[in-house]
PDB file of N, CA and C in Angstrom:
ATOM      1  N   UNK A   1       6.671  14.172  -8.443  1.00  0.00           N
ATOM      2  CA  UNK A   1       6.472  12.855  -7.595  1.00  0.00           C
ATOM      3  C   UNK A   1       7.723  12.308  -7.671  1.00  0.00           C
ATOM      4  N   UNK A   2       8.777  12.783  -8.289  1.00  0.00           N
ATOM      5  CA  UNK A   2      10.058  11.914  -8.057  1.00  0.00           C
ATOM      6  C   UNK A   2      10.415  11.036  -9.427  1.00  0.00           C
ATOM      7  N   UNK A   3       9.531  11.470 -10.789  1.00  0.00           N
ATOM      8  CA  UNK A   3       9.701  11.216 -11.757  1.00  0.00           C
ATOM      9  C   UNK A   3      10.858  12.096 -12.781  1.00  0.00           C
ATOM     10  N   UNK A   4      11.262  13.119 -12.297  1.00  0.00           N
ATOM     11  CA  UNK A   4      11.912  13.653 -13.497  1.00  0.00           C
ATOM     12  C   UNK A   4      12.847  12.984 -14.035  1.00  0.00           C
ATOM     13  N   UNK A   5      14.139  12.567 -12.989  1.00  0.00           N
ATOM     14  CA  UNK A   5      15.403  12.339 -12.912  1.00  0.00           C
ATOM     15  C   UNK A   5      15.082  11.053 -13.854  1.00  0.00           C
ATOM     16  N   UNK A   6      14.144  10.192 -14.168  1.00  0.00           N
ATOM     17  CA  UNK A   6      13.889   8.923 -14.384  1.00  0.00           C
ATOM     18  C   UNK A   6      14.108   8.510 -15.912  1.00  0.00           C
ATOM     19  N   UNK A   7      14.931   7.969 -16.409  1.00  0.00           N
ATOM     20  CA  UNK A   7      15.343   7.812 -17.868  1.00  0.00           C
ATOM     21  C   UNK A   7      14.615   7.408 -18.824  1.00  0.00           C
ATOM     22  N   UNK A   8      14.469   8.300 -19.888  1.00  0.00           N
ATOM     23  CA  UNK A   8      13.563   7.339 -20.684  1.00  0.00           C
ATOM     24  C   UNK A   8      14.132   5.811 -21.127  1.00  0.00           C
ATOM     25  N   UNK A   9      13.094   4.865 -21.435  1.00  0.00           N
ATOM     26  CA  UNK A   9      13.601   3.891 -21.976  1.00  0.00           C
ATOM     27  C   UNK A   9      13.109   3.209 -23.335  1.00  0.00           C
ATOM     28  N   UNK A  10      13.340   2.432 -24.052  1.00  0.00           N
ATOM     29  CA  UNK A  10      13.126   2.291 -25.532  1.00  0.00           C
ATOM     30  C   UNK A  10      11.387   2.216 -25.311  1.00  0.00           C
ATOM     31  N   UNK A  11      10.634   2.231 -26.641  1.00  0.00           N
ATOM     32  CA  UNK A  11       9.359   1.777 -26.557  1.00  0.00           C
ATOM     33  C   UNK A  11       9.195   0.310 -26.221  1.00  0.00           C
ATOM     34  N   UNK A  12       8.480   0.314 -25.266  1.00  0.00           N
ATOM     35  CA  UNK A  12       7.713  -1.358 -24.805  1.00  0.00           C
ATOM     36  C   UNK A  12       6.367  -1.491 -24.715  1.00  0.00           C
ATOM     37  N   UNK A  13       6.335  -2.204 -26.319  1.00  0.00           N
ATOM     38  CA  UNK A  13       4.586  -2.684 -26.882  1.00  0.00           C
ATOM     39  C   UNK A  13       3.796  -3.126 -25.845  1.00  0.00           C
ATOM     40  N   UNK A  14       4.075  -3.304 -24.509  1.00  0.00           N
ATOM     41  CA  UNK A  14       3.084  -3.964 -23.650  1.00  0.00           C
ATOM     42  C   UNK A  14       2.656  -2.931 -23.013  1.00  0.00           C
ATOM     43  N   UNK A  15       3.340  -1.697 -23.135  1.00  0.00           N
ATOM     44  CA  UNK A  15       2.550  -0.097 -22.203  1.00  0.00           C
ATOM     45  C   UNK A  15       0.754   0.027 -22.774  1.00  0.00           C
ATOM     46  N   UNK A  16       0.436  -0.068 -23.687  1.00  0.00           N
ATOM     47  CA  UNK A  16      -1.259  -0.032 -23.999  1.00  0.00           C
ATOM     48  C   UNK A  16      -1.661  -1.566 -23.220  1.00  0.00           C
ATOM     49  N   UNK A  17      -1.341  -2.630 -23.381  1.00  0.00           N
ATOM     50  CA  UNK A  17      -2.156  -3.359 -22.696  1.00  0.00           C
ATOM     51  C   UNK A  17      -2.023  -3.559 -20.984  1.00  0.00           C
ATOM     52  N   UNK A  18      -0.667  -2.910 -20.225  1.00  0.00           N
ATOM     53  CA  UNK A  18      -0.847  -2.874 -19.767  1.00  0.00           C
ATOM     54  C   UNK A  18      -1.342  -1.504 -18.934  1.00  0.00           C
ATOM     55  N   UNK A  19      -1.813  -0.368 -19.613  1.00  0.00           N
ATOM     56  CA  UNK A  19      -2.690   0.485 -19.180  1.00  0.00           C
ATOM     57  C   UNK A  19      -4.261   0.298 -19.091  1.00  0.00           C
ATOM     58  N   UNK A  20      -4.354  -0.723 -19.899  1.00  0.00           N
ATOM     59  CA  UNK A  20      -5.876  -1.094 -20.471  1.00  0.00           C
ATOM     60  C   UNK A  20      -5.904  -1.621 -19.444  1.00  0.00           C
ATOM     61  N   UNK A  21      -4.859  -2.742 -18.749  1.00  0.00           N
ATOM     62  CA  UNK A  21      -5.723  -3.559 -17.562  1.00  0.00           C
ATOM     63  C   UNK A  21      -5.502  -3.176 -16.379  1.00  0.00           C
ATOM     64  N   UNK A  22      -4.814  -1.530 -16.299  1.00  0.00           N
ATOM     65  CA  UNK A  22      -5.160  -1.008 -15.015  1.00  0.00           C
ATOM     66  C   UNK A  22      -6.071  -0.103 -15.160  1.00  0.00           C
ATOM     67  N   UNK A  23      -6.714   0.268 -15.929  1.00  0.00           N
ATOM     68  CA  UNK A  23      -8.102   0.901 -16.766  1.00  0.00           C
ATOM     69  C   UNK A  23      -9.127   0.303 -15.772  1.00  0.00           C
ATOM     70  N   UNK A  24      -9.020  -1.181 -16.530  1.00  0.00           N
ATOM     71  CA  UNK A  24     -10.232  -2.106 -16.217  1.00  0.00           C
ATOM     72  C   UNK A  24     -10.572  -2.240 -14.408  1.00  0.00           C
ATOM     73  N   UNK A  25      -9.158  -2.395 -13.617  1.00  0.00           N
ATOM     74  CA  UNK A  25      -9.286  -2.537 -12.726  1.00  0.00           C
ATOM     75  C   UNK A  25     -10.066  -1.032 -11.989  1.00  0.00           C
ATOM     76  N   UNK A  26      -8.951  -0.002 -12.308  1.00  0.00           N
ATOM     77  CA  UNK A  26     -10.048   1.314 -12.195  1.00  0.00           C
ATOM     78  C   UNK A  26     -11.203   1.836 -11.905  1.00  0.00           C
ATOM     79  N   UNK A  27     -11.439   1.129 -13.188  1.00  0.00           N
ATOM     80  CA  UNK A  27     -13.166   1.123 -13.366  1.00  0.00           C
ATOM     81  C   UNK A  27     -13.911   0.393 -12.244  1.00  0.00           C
ATOM     82  N   UNK A  28     -13.739  -0.792 -12.346  1.00  0.00           N
ATOM     83  CA  UNK A  28     -14.184  -1.494 -11.385  1.00  0.00           C
ATOM     84  C   UNK A  28     -14.521  -0.707  -9.612  1.00  0.00           C
ATOM     85  N   UNK A  29     -13.276  -0.192  -9.452  1.00  0.00           N
ATOM     86  CA  UNK A  29     -12.722   0.445  -8.254  1.00  0.00           C
ATOM     87  C   UNK A  29     -13.677   1.699  -7.804  1.00  0.00           C
ATOM     88  N   UNK A  30     -13.351   2.373  -9.242  1.00  0.00           N
ATOM     89  CA  UNK A  30     -14.706   3.601  -8.872  1.00  0.00           C
ATOM     90  C   UNK A  30     -15.391   3.521  -9.358  1.00  0.00           C
ATOM     91  N   UNK A  31     -16.513   2.664  -9.812  1.00  0.00           N
ATOM     92  CA  UNK A  31     -17.712   2.659 -10.353  1.00  0.00           C
ATOM     93  C   UNK A  31     -18.841   3.451  -9.133  1.00  0.00           C
ATOM     94  N   UNK A  32     -18.804   3.151  -7.879  1.00  0.00           N
ATOM     95  CA  UNK A  32     -19.405   3.859  -7.035  1.00  0.00           C
ATOM     96  C   UNK A  32     -19.469   5.561  -6.912  1.00  0.00           C
ATOM     97  N   UNK A  33     -18.219   5.815  -7.721  1.00  0.00           N
ATOM     98  CA  UNK A  33     -18.507   7.376  -7.958  1.00  0.00           C
ATOM     99  C   UNK A  33     -18.507   7.972  -9.187  1.00  0.00           C
ATOM    100  N   UNK A  34     -19.629   6.973  -9.817  1.00  0.00           N
ATOM    101  CA  UNK A  34     -19.802   7.598 -11.328  1.00  0.00           C
ATOM    102  C   UNK A  34     -18.861   7.513 -11.994  1.00  0.00           C
ATOM    103  N   UNK A  35     -17.420   6.895 -12.305  1.00  0.00           N
ATOM    104  CA  UNK A  35     -16.347   7.336 -13.087  1.00  0.00           C
ATOM    105  C   UNK A  35     -16.320   6.182 -14.262  1.00  0.00           C
ATOM    106  N   UNK A  36     -16.915   6.494 -15.467  1.00  0.00           N
ATOM    107  CA  UNK A  36     -16.763   5.413 -16.425  1.00  0.00           C
ATOM    108  C   UNK A  36     -15.711   5.876 -17.631  1.00  0.00           C
ATOM    109  N   UNK A  37     -14.963   6.703 -17.016  1.00  0.00           N
ATOM    110  CA  UNK A  37     -13.784   6.550 -18.560  1.00  0.00           C
ATOM    111  C   UNK A  37     -12.725   6.761 -17.614  1.00  0.00           C
ATOM    112  N   UNK A  38     -11.655   6.305 -18.468  1.00  0.00           N
ATOM    113  CA  UNK A  38     -10.001   6.323 -17.820  1.00  0.00           C
ATOM    114  C   UNK A  38      -9.660   6.792 -19.271  1.00  0.00           C
ATOM    115  N   UNK A  39      -8.636   7.562 -19.425  1.00  0.00           N
ATOM    116  CA  UNK A  39      -7.799   8.249 -20.729  1.00  0.00           C
ATOM    117  C   UNK A  39      -6.269   8.090 -20.318  1.00  0.00           C
ATOM    118  N   UNK A  40      -5.617   7.066 -20.984  1.00  0.00           N
ATOM    119  CA  UNK A  40      -4.071   6.150 -20.636  1.00  0.00           C
ATOM    120  C   UNK A  40      -3.583   7.800 -21.915  1.00  0.00           C
ATOM    121  N   UNK A  41      -2.912   8.894 -21.317  1.00  0.00           N
ATOM    122  CA  UNK A  41      -2.310   9.818 -21.790  1.00  0.00           C
ATOM    123  C   UNK A  41      -0.448   9.907 -21.765  1.00  0.00           C
ATOM    124  N   UNK A  42       0.272  10.498 -22.126  1.00  0.00           N
ATOM    125  CA  UNK A  42       1.778  10.836 -22.192  1.00  0.00           C
ATOM    126  C   UNK A  42       2.359   9.696 -22.950  1.00  0.00           C
ATOM    127  N   UNK A  43       3.306  10.060 -22.854  1.00  0.00           N
ATOM    128  CA  UNK A  43       4.504   9.545 -23.954  1.00  0.00           C
ATOM    129  C   UNK A  43       4.088   7.852 -23.776  1.00  0.00           C
ATOM    130  N   UNK A  44       3.879   6.904 -22.834  1.00  0.00           N
ATOM    131  CA  UNK A  44       3.506   5.661 -22.868  1.00  0.00           C
ATOM    132  C   UNK A  44       2.459   5.049 -23.931  1.00  0.00           C
ATOM    133  N   UNK A  45       1.477   6.439 -23.808  1.00  0.00           N
ATOM    134  CA  UNK A  45       0.352   5.954 -24.580  1.00  0.00           C
ATOM    135  C   UNK A  45       0.399   6.233 -26.379  1.00  0.00           C
ATOM    136  N   UNK A  46       1.695   6.751 -26.810  1.00  0.00           N
ATOM    137  CA  UNK A  46       2.354   6.917 -28.137  1.00  0.00           C
ATOM    138  C   UNK A  46       2.740   5.542 -28.431  1.00  0.00           C
ATOM    139  N   UNK A  47       2.482   4.953 -29.487  1.00  0.00           N
ATOM    140  CA  UNK A  47       3.135   3.346 -30.021  1.00  0.00           C
ATOM    141  C   UNK A  47       4.683   4.226 -30.715  1.00  0.00           C
ATOM    142  N   UNK A  48       5.533   3.325 -30.250  1.00  0.00           N
ATOM    143  CA  UNK A  48       7.388   3.794 -31.320  1.00  0.00           C
ATOM    144  C   UNK A  48       7.721   4.436 -29.976  1.00  0.00           C
ATOM    145  N   UNK A  49       7.239   5.064 -29.073  1.00  0.00           N
ATOM    146  CA  UNK A  49       8.198   6.397 -28.908  1.00  0.00           C
ATOM    147  C   UNK A  49       8.707   6.120 -27.459  1.00  0.00           C
ATOM    148  N   UNK A  50      10.048   6.763 -27.295  1.00  0.00           N
ATOM    149  CA  UNK A  50      11.040   6.279 -26.561  1.00  0.00           C
ATOM    150  C   UNK A  50      10.140   6.964 -25.465  1.00  0.00           C
ATOM    151  N   UNK A  51      10.184   6.695 -24.017  1.00  0.00           N
ATOM    152  CA  UNK A  51       9.397   6.885 -22.791  1.00  0.00           C
ATOM    153  C   UNK A  51      10.031   6.535 -21.438  1.00  0.00           C
ATOM    154  N   UNK A  52       9.805   7.851 -20.251  1.00  0.00           N
ATOM    155  CA  UNK A  52      10.105   7.551 -19.010  1.00  0.00           C
ATOM    156  C   UNK A  52       8.895   6.055 -18.929  1.00  0.00           C
ATOM    157  N   UNK A  53       9.099   5.075 -17.861  1.00  0.00           N
ATOM    158  CA  UNK A  53       8.248   4.086 -17.899  1.00  0.00           C
ATOM    159  C   UNK A  53       7.011   4.108 -16.995  1.00  0.00           C
ATOM    160  N   UNK A  54       6.386   5.394 -17.025  1.00  0.00           N
ATOM    161  CA  UNK A  54       5.297   5.559 -15.962  1.00  0.00           C
ATOM    162  C   UNK A  54       4.016   5.669 -17.469  1.00  0.00           C
ATOM    163  N   UNK A  55       3.246   4.662 -16.820  1.00  0.00           N
ATOM    164  CA  UNK A  55       2.050   4.659 -17.345  1.00  0.00           C
ATOM    165  C   UNK A  55       1.097   5.702 -16.554  1.00  0.00           C
ATOM    166  N   UNK A  56       0.536   6.839 -17.433  1.00  0.00           N
ATOM    167  CA  UNK A  56       0.218   7.829 -16.995  1.00  0.00           C
ATOM    168  C   UNK A  56      -1.572   7.826 -17.565  1.00  0.00           C
ATOM    169  N   UNK A  57      -2.421   8.133 -16.509  1.00  0.00           N
ATOM    170  CA  UNK A  57      -3.746   7.337 -16.442  1.00  0.00           C
ATOM    171  C   UNK A  57      -5.153   8.734 -16.196  1.00  0.00           C
ATOM    172  N   UNK A  58      -6.063   9.527 -16.703  1.00  0.00           N
ATOM    173  CA  UNK A  58      -6.570  10.136 -16.337  1.00  0.00           C
ATOM    174  C   UNK A  58      -7.887   9.722 -16.140  1.00  0.00           C
ATOM    175  N   UNK A  59      -8.844  10.749 -15.057  1.00  0.00           N
ATOM    176  CA  UNK A  59     -10.276  10.746 -15.466  1.00  0.00           C
ATOM    177  C   UNK A  59     -10.691  12.240 -14.782  1.00  0.00           C
ATOM    178  N   UNK A  60     -11.589  12.483 -15.128  1.00  0.00           N
ATOM    179  CA  UNK A  60     -12.237  13.710 -14.871  1.00  0.00           C
ATOM    180  C   UNK A  60     -13.609  13.495 -13.431  1.00  0.00           C
ATOM    181  N   UNK A  61     -13.593  14.171 -12.786  1.00  0.00           N
ATOM    182  CA  UNK A  61     -13.927  14.101 -11.734  1.00  0.00           C
ATOM    183  C   UNK A  61     -15.149  15.752 -11.732  1.00  0.00           C
ATOM    184  N   UNK A  62     -16.528  15.571 -11.481  1.00  0.00           N
ATOM    185  CA  UNK A  62     -17.507  16.491 -11.358  1.00  0.00           C
ATOM    186  C   UNK A  62     -17.099  17.340 -10.131  1.00  0.00           C
ATOM    187  N   UNK A  63     -16.381  16.765  -8.779  1.00  0.00           N
ATOM    188  CA  UNK A  63     -16.188  17.348  -7.890  1.00  0.00           C
ATOM    189  C   UNK A  63     -15.278  16.628  -7.115  1.00  0.00           C
ATOM    190  N   UNK A  64     -14.406  17.577  -5.915  1.00  0.00           N
ATOM    191  CA  UNK A  64     -13.497  16.646  -5.335  1.00  0.00           C
ATOM    192  C   UNK A  64     -13.719  16.371  -3.631  1.00  0.00           C
ATOM    193  N   UNK A  65     -15.692  16.612  -4.050  1.00  0.00           N
ATOM    194  CA  UNK A  65     -15.958  16.559  -2.321  1.00  0.00           C
ATOM    195  C   UNK A  65     -15.711  14.945  -2.240  1.00  0.00           C
ATOM    196  N   UNK A  66     -15.928  13.870  -3.324  1.00  0.00           N
ATOM    197  CA  UNK A  66     -15.236  12.175  -3.533  1.00  0.00           C
ATOM    198  C   UNK A  66     -13.972  11.997  -3.106  1.00  0.00           C
ATOM    199  N   UNK A  67     -13.203  13.149  -3.357  1.00  0.00           N
ATOM    200  CA  UNK A  67     -11.498  12.625  -3.167  1.00  0.00           C
ATOM    201  C   UNK A  67     -11.012  11.573  -2.034  1.00  0.00           C
ATOM    202  N   UNK A  68     -11.557  12.342  -1.012  1.00  0.00           N
ATOM    203  CA  UNK A  68     -11.045  11.293   0.368  1.00  0.00           C
ATOM    204  C   UNK A  68     -11.438   9.988   0.436  1.00  0.00           C
ATOM    205  N   UNK A  69     -12.839   9.802   0.069  1.00  0.00           N
ATOM    206  CA  UNK A  69     -13.352   8.509   0.061  1.00  0.00           C
ATOM    207  C   UNK A  69     -12.909   7.589  -1.675  1.00  0.00           C
ATOM    208  N   UNK A  70     -12.299   8.290  -2.562  1.00  0.00           N
ATOM    209  CA  UNK A  70     -11.475   7.529  -3.757  1.00  0.00           C
ATOM    210  C   UNK A  70     -10.514   6.828  -3.193  1.00  0.00           C
ATOM    211  N   UNK A  71      -9.869   8.116  -2.533  1.00  0.00           N
ATOM    212  CA  UNK A  71      -8.224   7.812  -1.788  1.00  0.00           C
ATOM    213  C   UNK A  71      -8.593   6.717  -0.813  1.00  0.00           C
ATOM    214  N   UNK A  72      -9.462   6.795   0.000  1.00  0.00           N
ATOM    215  CA  UNK A  72      -9.697   5.287   0.770  1.00  0.00           C
ATOM    216  C   UNK A  72      -9.797   4.376  -0.111  1.00  0.00           C
ATOM    217  N   UNK A  73     -10.754   3.699  -1.314  1.00  0.00           N
ATOM    218  CA  UNK A  73     -11.022   2.579  -1.928  1.00  0.00           C
ATOM    219  C   UNK A  73      -9.614   2.655  -2.314  1.00  0.00           C
ATOM    220  N   UNK A  74      -9.117   3.660  -2.632  1.00  0.00           N
ATOM    221  CA  UNK A  74      -7.927   2.555  -3.871  1.00  0.00           C
ATOM    222  C   UNK A  74      -6.803   2.439  -2.976  1.00  0.00           C
ATOM    223  N   UNK A  75      -6.843   2.724  -1.710  1.00  0.00           N
ATOM    224  CA  UNK A  75      -5.384   2.369  -0.566  1.00  0.00           C
ATOM    225  C   UNK A  75      -5.330   0.892  -0.711  1.00  0.00           C
ATOM    226  N   UNK A  76      -5.759  -0.025  -0.227  1.00  0.00           N
ATOM    227  CA  UNK A  76      -6.127  -1.324  -0.267  1.00  0.00           C
ATOM    228  C   UNK A  76      -4.907  -1.761  -1.237  1.00  0.00           C
ATOM    229  N   UNK A  77      -5.580  -0.977  -2.778  1.00  0.00           N
ATOM    230  CA  UNK A  77      -4.698  -1.767  -3.923  1.00  0.00           C
ATOM    231  C   UNK A  77      -3.252  -0.581  -3.916  1.00  0.00           C
ATOM    232  N   UNK A  78      -2.623  -0.291  -3.005  1.00  0.00           N
ATOM    233  CA  UNK A  78      -1.275   0.652  -2.749  1.00  0.00           C
ATOM    234  C   UNK A  78      -1.224   1.824  -4.136  1.00  0.00           C
ATOM    235  N   UNK A  79      -2.396   2.526  -4.213  1.00  0.00           N
ATOM    236  CA  UNK A  79      -2.689   3.393  -4.261  1.00  0.00           C
ATOM    237  C   UNK A  79      -2.223   4.840  -3.429  1.00  0.00           C
ATOM    238  N   UNK A  80      -1.791   5.913  -3.460  1.00  0.00           N
ATOM    239  CA  UNK A  80      -1.526   6.831  -2.451  1.00  0.00           C
ATOM    240  C   UNK A  80      -1.702   8.170  -3.042  1.00  0.00           C
ATOM    241  N   UNK A  81      -2.631   8.990  -2.117  1.00  0.00           N
ATOM    242  CA  UNK A  81      -3.379  10.424  -2.433  1.00  0.00           C
ATOM    243  C   UNK A  81      -2.263  11.107  -2.734  1.00  0.00           C
ATOM    244  N   UNK A  82      -2.080  12.044  -3.128  1.00  0.00           N
ATOM    245  CA  UNK A  82      -1.396  13.409  -3.131  1.00  0.00           C
ATOM    246  C   UNK A  82      -2.046  14.689  -3.627  1.00  0.00           C
ATOM    247  N   UNK A  83      -2.206  15.053  -2.059  1.00  0.00           N
ATOM    248  CA  UNK A  83      -3.319  16.839  -2.087  1.00  0.00           C
ATOM    249  C   UNK A  83      -2.740  17.758  -3.730  1.00  0.00           C
ATOM    250  N   UNK A  84      -3.960  18.559  -3.849  1.00  0.00           N
ATOM    251  CA  UNK A  84      -3.548  19.687  -5.009  1.00  0.00           C
ATOM    252  C   UNK A  84      -2.430  20.540  -4.695  1.00  0.00           C
ATOM    253  N   UNK A  85      -2.136  20.898  -3.438  1.00  0.00           N
ATOM    254  CA  UNK A  85      -1.359  21.460  -3.023  1.00  0.00           C
ATOM    255  C   UNK A  85       0.117  21.389  -3.087  1.00  0.00           C
ATOM    256  N   UNK A  86      -0.006  19.315  -3.431  1.00  0.00           N
ATOM    257  CA  UNK A  86       1.791  19.106  -3.946  1.00  0.00           C
ATOM    258  C   UNK A  86       1.860  18.708  -4.945  1.00  0.00           C
ATOM    259  N   UNK A  87       0.975  18.750  -5.850  1.00  0.00           N
ATOM    260  CA  UNK A  87       1.201  18.718  -7.155  1.00  0.00           C
ATOM    261  C   UNK A  87       1.346  20.032  -7.907  1.00  0.00           C
ATOM    262  N   UNK A  88       1.547  20.041  -9.635  1.00  0.00           N
ATOM    263  CA  UNK A  88       2.365  20.964 -10.176  1.00  0.00           C
ATOM    264  C   UNK A  88       0.627  22.471  -9.956  1.00  0.00           C
ATOM    265  N   UNK A  89      -0.474  21.490 -10.486  1.00  0.00           N
ATOM    266  CA  UNK A  89      -1.699  22.533 -10.558  1.00  0.00           C
ATOM    267  C   UNK A  89      -2.533  22.583  -9.470  1.00  0.00           C
ATOM    268  N   UNK A  90      -3.155  23.770  -9.315  1.00  0.00           N
ATOM    269  CA  UNK A  90      -3.762  24.127  -8.431  1.00  0.00           C
ATOM    270  C   UNK A  90      -5.141  23.459  -7.973  1.00  0.00           C
ATOM    271  N   UNK A  91      -5.629  22.754  -9.425  1.00  0.00           N
ATOM    272  CA  UNK A  91      -7.191  22.085  -9.439  1.00  0.00           C
ATOM    273  C   UNK A  91      -6.895  20.571  -9.837  1.00  0.00           C
ATOM    274  N   UNK A  92      -5.421  20.625  -9.692  1.00  0.00           N
ATOM    275  CA  UNK A  92      -5.518  18.793  -9.827  1.00  0.00           C
ATOM    276  C   UNK A  92      -4.569  18.246  -8.463  1.00  0.00           C
ATOM    277  N   UNK A  93      -5.234  17.045  -8.537  1.00  0.00           N
ATOM    278  CA  UNK A  93      -4.500  16.237  -7.392  1.00  0.00           C
ATOM    279  C   UNK A  93      -3.955  14.694  -7.782  1.00  0.00           C
ATOM    280  N   UNK A  94      -3.022  14.381  -7.351  1.00  0.00           N
ATOM    281  CA  UNK A  94      -2.939  12.550  -8.204  1.00  0.00           C
ATOM    282  C   UNK A  94      -3.472  11.407  -7.312  1.00  0.00           C
ATOM    283  N   UNK A  95      -3.129  10.544  -7.652  1.00  0.00           N
ATOM    284  CA  UNK A  95      -3.901   9.234  -6.693  1.00  0.00           C
ATOM    285  C   UNK A  95      -2.254   8.363  -7.569  1.00  0.00           C
ATOM    286  N   UNK A  96      -0.773   7.766  -7.276  1.00  0.00           N
ATOM    287  CA  UNK A  96      -0.215   7.027  -7.327  1.00  0.00           C
ATOM    288  C   UNK A  96       0.206   5.481  -7.094  1.00  0.00           C
ATOM    289  N   UNK A  97       0.758   4.765  -7.784  1.00  0.00           N
ATOM    290  CA  UNK A  97       0.639   3.813  -7.511  1.00  0.00           C
ATOM    291  C   UNK A  97       2.238   3.480  -7.128  1.00  0.00           C
ATOM    292  N   UNK A  98       3.003   2.888  -5.945  1.00  0.00           N
ATOM    293  CA  UNK A  98       3.762   2.448  -5.324  1.00  0.00           C
ATOM    294  C   UNK A  98       4.899   2.259  -6.346  1.00  0.00           C
ATOM    295  N   UNK A  99       6.164   2.651  -6.384  1.00  0.00           N
ATOM    296  CA  UNK A  99       6.812   2.061  -7.687  1.00  0.00           C
ATOM    297  C   UNK A  99       7.553   0.687  -6.939  1.00  0.00           C
ATOM    298  N   UNK A 100       7.023   0.130  -5.296  1.00  0.00           N
ATOM    299  CA  UNK A 100       7.560  -0.655  -4.874  1.00  0.00           C
ATOM    300  C   UNK A 100       6.662  -1.922  -4.572  1.00  0.00           C
ATOM    301  N   UNK A 101       5.760  -1.586  -5.460  1.00  0.00           N
ATOM    302  CA  UNK A 101       5.065  -2.925  -5.687  1.00  0.00           C
ATOM    303  C   UNK A 101       4.202  -2.991  -7.271  1.00  0.00           C
ATOM    304  N   UNK A 102       4.161  -1.656  -8.064  1.00  0.00           N
ATOM    305  CA  UNK A 102       4.129  -2.524  -9.545  1.00  0.00           C
ATOM    306  C   UNK A 102       4.904  -1.589 -10.007  1.00  0.00           C
ATOM    307  N   UNK A 103       5.237  -2.137 -11.126  1.00  0.00           N
ATOM    308  CA  UNK A 103       6.418  -1.767 -12.465  1.00  0.00           C
ATOM    309  C   UNK A 103       6.132  -1.532 -13.679  1.00  0.00           C
ATOM    310  N   UNK A 104       5.659  -0.057 -14.307  1.00  0.00           N
ATOM    311  CA  UNK A 104       6.178   0.892 -14.109  1.00  0.00           C
ATOM    312  C   UNK A 104       5.072   1.340 -12.917  1.00  0.00           C
ATOM    313  N   UNK A 105       5.163   2.510 -11.834  1.00  0.00           N
ATOM    314  CA  UNK A 105       4.436   2.813 -11.570  1.00  0.00           C
ATOM    315  C   UNK A 105       3.629   3.676 -12.470  1.00  0.00           C
ATOM    316  N   UNK A 106       2.096   3.584 -11.872  1.00  0.00           N
ATOM    317  CA  UNK A 106       1.065   4.036 -12.799  1.00  0.00           C
ATOM    318  C   UNK A 106       0.207   5.498 -11.858  1.00  0.00           C
ATOM    319  N   UNK A 107      -0.309   6.520 -12.273  1.00  0.00           N
ATOM    320  CA  UNK A 107      -0.398   7.611 -11.895  1.00  0.00           C
ATOM    321  C   UNK A 107      -2.013   8.125 -12.362  1.00  0.00           C
ATOM    322  N   UNK A 108      -3.027   8.127 -11.981  1.00  0.00           N
ATOM    323  CA  UNK A 108      -3.735   8.648 -12.250  1.00  0.00           C
ATOM    324  C   UNK A 108      -4.085  10.306 -11.363  1.00  0.00           C
ATOM    325  N   UNK A 109      -4.503  10.792 -13.011  1.00  0.00           N
ATOM    326  CA  UNK A 109      -4.685  12.194 -12.314  1.00  0.00           C
ATOM    327  C   UNK A 109      -5.595  12.765 -12.478  1.00  0.00           C
ATOM    328  N   UNK A 110      -6.582  13.723 -11.361  1.00  0.00           N
ATOM    329  CA  UNK A 110      -8.107  14.112 -11.348  1.00  0.00           C
ATOM    330  C   UNK A 110      -8.318  15.368 -11.508  1.00  0.00           C
TER     331      UNK A 110
END
């Protein structure tokens, strides 16, 4: 998704708070889909660790049947759907925030 060559940066103590803020917003937007838990994972979730400035968030879906509706619901907030065949895992899809509107980009993998 274009982040492989992004350099690591020194640890940023604001990463956990930024992840929490995005998580809270997503939980509100995704409540109609019975999504009640979002996890911050990856290198920005580890205190003191240099990382690519990308906050990764993950949730579990019971079915992909709602993925188009989820993507449509998040589109006004500048999240963009990447279908499973364009991600690294065949059972994974991602929704990511455009790097032009939020820094750092945030991703949710389902």
